[in-house]
């Protein structure tokens, strides 16, 4: 009966080892599937991010060209106005300085108006 018990115990031990191998394989398979799913999700995220970045670049390119044109037009207008102001300053600058000097050096005292 002892030999029969030993054979039974050995069979149980073999079954337990087989069960542990199956559990270990299942864990490894699960771990691999989780890693694969994580990698696939990361790739999808990167693809989506790349797609949105391309859309943004296209949008920015389409809309920034209008701004650039407006900036160039504004710069041209500003340059024309500055030139006009410089020309006026060159023509009448000395006259204005003379008028200021005359106004400062010629005193015409007057009593304050208002309260009587």
Protein backbone atom coordinates (compact mmCIF):
# COMPACT_ATOMS: atom_id res chain seq x y z
CA UNK A 1 0.00 0.00 0.00
CA UNK A 2 2.95 2.28 0.56
CA UNK A 3 4.05 1.91 -3.06
CA UNK A 4 0.56 2.77 -4.18
CA UNK A 5 0.52 5.87 -1.92
CA UNK A 6 3.92 6.92 -3.26
CA UNK A 7 2.69 6.55 -6.82
CA UNK A 8 -0.41 8.60 -5.98
CA UNK A 9 1.63 11.29 -4.29
CA UNK A 10 4.02 11.36 -7.25
CA UNK A 11 1.08 11.68 -9.63
CA UNK A 12 -0.26 14.60 -7.58
CA UNK A 13 3.16 16.26 -7.54
CA UNK A 14 3.47 15.83 -11.32
CA UNK A 15 -0.02 17.28 -11.78
CA UNK A 16 0.88 20.22 -9.54
CA UNK A 17 4.07 20.90 -11.56
CA UNK A 18 2.07 20.72 -14.78
CA UNK A 19 -0.51 23.11 -13.33
CA UNK A 20 2.26 25.54 -12.27
CA UNK A 21 3.70 25.41 -15.80
CA UNK A 22 0.27 26.14 -17.27
CA UNK A 23 -0.26 29.03 -14.84
CA UNK A 24 3.22 30.39 -15.63
CA UNK A 25 2.56 30.18 -19.37
CA UNK A 26 -0.76 31.95 -18.89
CA UNK A 27 0.97 34.73 -16.92
CA UNK A 28 3.65 35.09 -19.59
CA UNK A 29 0.99 35.17 -22.31
CA UNK A 30 -1.01 37.78 -20.37
CA UNK A 31 2.10 39.88 -19.79
CA UNK A 32 2.96 39.68 -23.48
CA UNK A 33 -0.58 40.67 -24.48
CA UNK A 34 -0.52 43.63 -22.07
CA UNK A 35 2.83 44.76 -23.50
CA UNK A 36 1.55 44.34 -27.06
CA UNK A 37 -1.61 46.29 -26.25
CA UNK A 38 0.43 49.04 -24.58
CA UNK A 39 2.77 49.26 -27.59
CA UNK A 40 -0.16 49.31 -30.00
CA UNK A 41 -1.87 52.05 -27.99
CA UNK A 42 1.35 54.08 -27.91
CA UNK A 43 1.69 53.74 -31.68
CA UNK A 44 -1.90 54.88 -32.17
CA UNK A 45 -1.27 57.86 -29.91
CA UNK A 46 1.85 58.81 -31.87
CA UNK A 47 0.03 58.42 -35.20
CA UNK A 48 -2.86 60.57 -33.95
CA UNK A 49 -0.46 63.17 -32.60
CA UNK A 50 1.42 63.26 -35.92
CA UNK A 51 -1.86 63.63 -37.85
CA UNK A 52 -2.99 66.53 -35.65
CA UNK A 53 0.42 68.21 -35.90
CA UNK A 54 0.21 68.02 -39.71
CA UNK A 55 -3.31 69.47 -39.63
CA UNK A 56 -2.07 72.31 -37.39
CA UNK A 57 0.90 73.04 -39.66
CA UNK A 58 -1.39 73.12 -42.71
CA UNK A 59 -3.87 75.42 -40.92
CA UNK A 60 -1.10 77.71 -39.73
CA UNK A 61 0.44 77.89 -43.20
CA UNK A 62 -2.91 78.73 -44.82
CA UNK A 63 -3.79 81.43 -42.30
CA UNK A 64 -0.39 82.98 -41.64
CA UNK A 65 0.14 83.95 -45.28
CA UNK A 66 -2.75 86.43 -44.97
CA UNK A 67 -1.21 87.95 -41.86
CA UNK A 68 2.14 88.28 -43.57
CA UNK A 69 0.53 90.17 -46.47
CA UNK A 70 -1.27 92.48 -44.06
CA UNK A 71 1.99 93.13 -42.19
CA UNK A 72 3.79 93.97 -45.44
CA UNK A 73 1.00 96.37 -46.47
CA UNK A 74 1.02 98.05 -43.05
CA UNK A 75 4.80 98.44 -43.21
CA UNK A 76 4.57 100.08 -46.65
CA UNK A 77 1.86 102.47 -45.41
CA UNK A 78 3.90 103.29 -42.32
CA UNK A 79 7.04 103.94 -44.37
CA UNK A 80 5.09 106.34 -46.62
CA UNK A 81 3.68 108.23 -43.61
CA UNK A 82 7.09 108.47 -41.92
CA UNK A 83 8.60 109.87 -45.14
CA UNK A 84 5.80 112.46 -45.35
CA UNK A 85 6.43 113.51 -41.74
CA UNK A 86 10.19 113.76 -42.37
CA UNK A 87 9.60 115.91 -45.46
CA UNK A 88 7.26 118.24 -43.54
CA UNK A 89 9.83 118.44 -40.73
CA UNK A 90 12.62 119.35 -43.16
CA UNK A 91 10.47 122.06 -44.83
CA UNK A 92 9.05 123.71 -41.74
CA UNK A 93 11.31 122.57 -38.91
CA UNK A 94 13.42 125.74 -38.72
CA UNK A 95 10.29 127.92 -38.92
CA UNK A 96 8.75 126.06 -35.98
CA UNK A 97 11.96 126.43 -33.94
CA UNK A 98 12.04 130.17 -34.67
CA UNK A 99 8.38 130.50 -33.59
CA UNK A 100 9.09 128.63 -30.34
CA UNK A 101 12.13 130.79 -29.57
CA UNK A 102 10.15 133.96 -30.25
CA UNK A 103 7.29 132.78 -28.04
CA UNK A 104 9.68 131.94 -25.20
CA UNK A 105 11.83 135.05 -25.40
CA UNK A 106 9.04 137.59 -25.96
CA UNK A 107 7.15 138.00 -22.73
CA UNK A 108 3.63 139.44 -22.82
CA UNK A 109 2.36 139.34 -19.24
CA UNK A 110 -1.42 139.27 -18.86
CA UNK A 111 -3.52 139.12 -15.71
CA UNK A 112 -5.33 135.84 -15.09
CA UNK A 113 -8.88 135.69 -16.38
CA UNK A 114 -11.79 134.07 -14.72
CA UNK A 115 -12.42 135.01 -11.08
CA UNK A 116 -13.58 138.52 -10.44
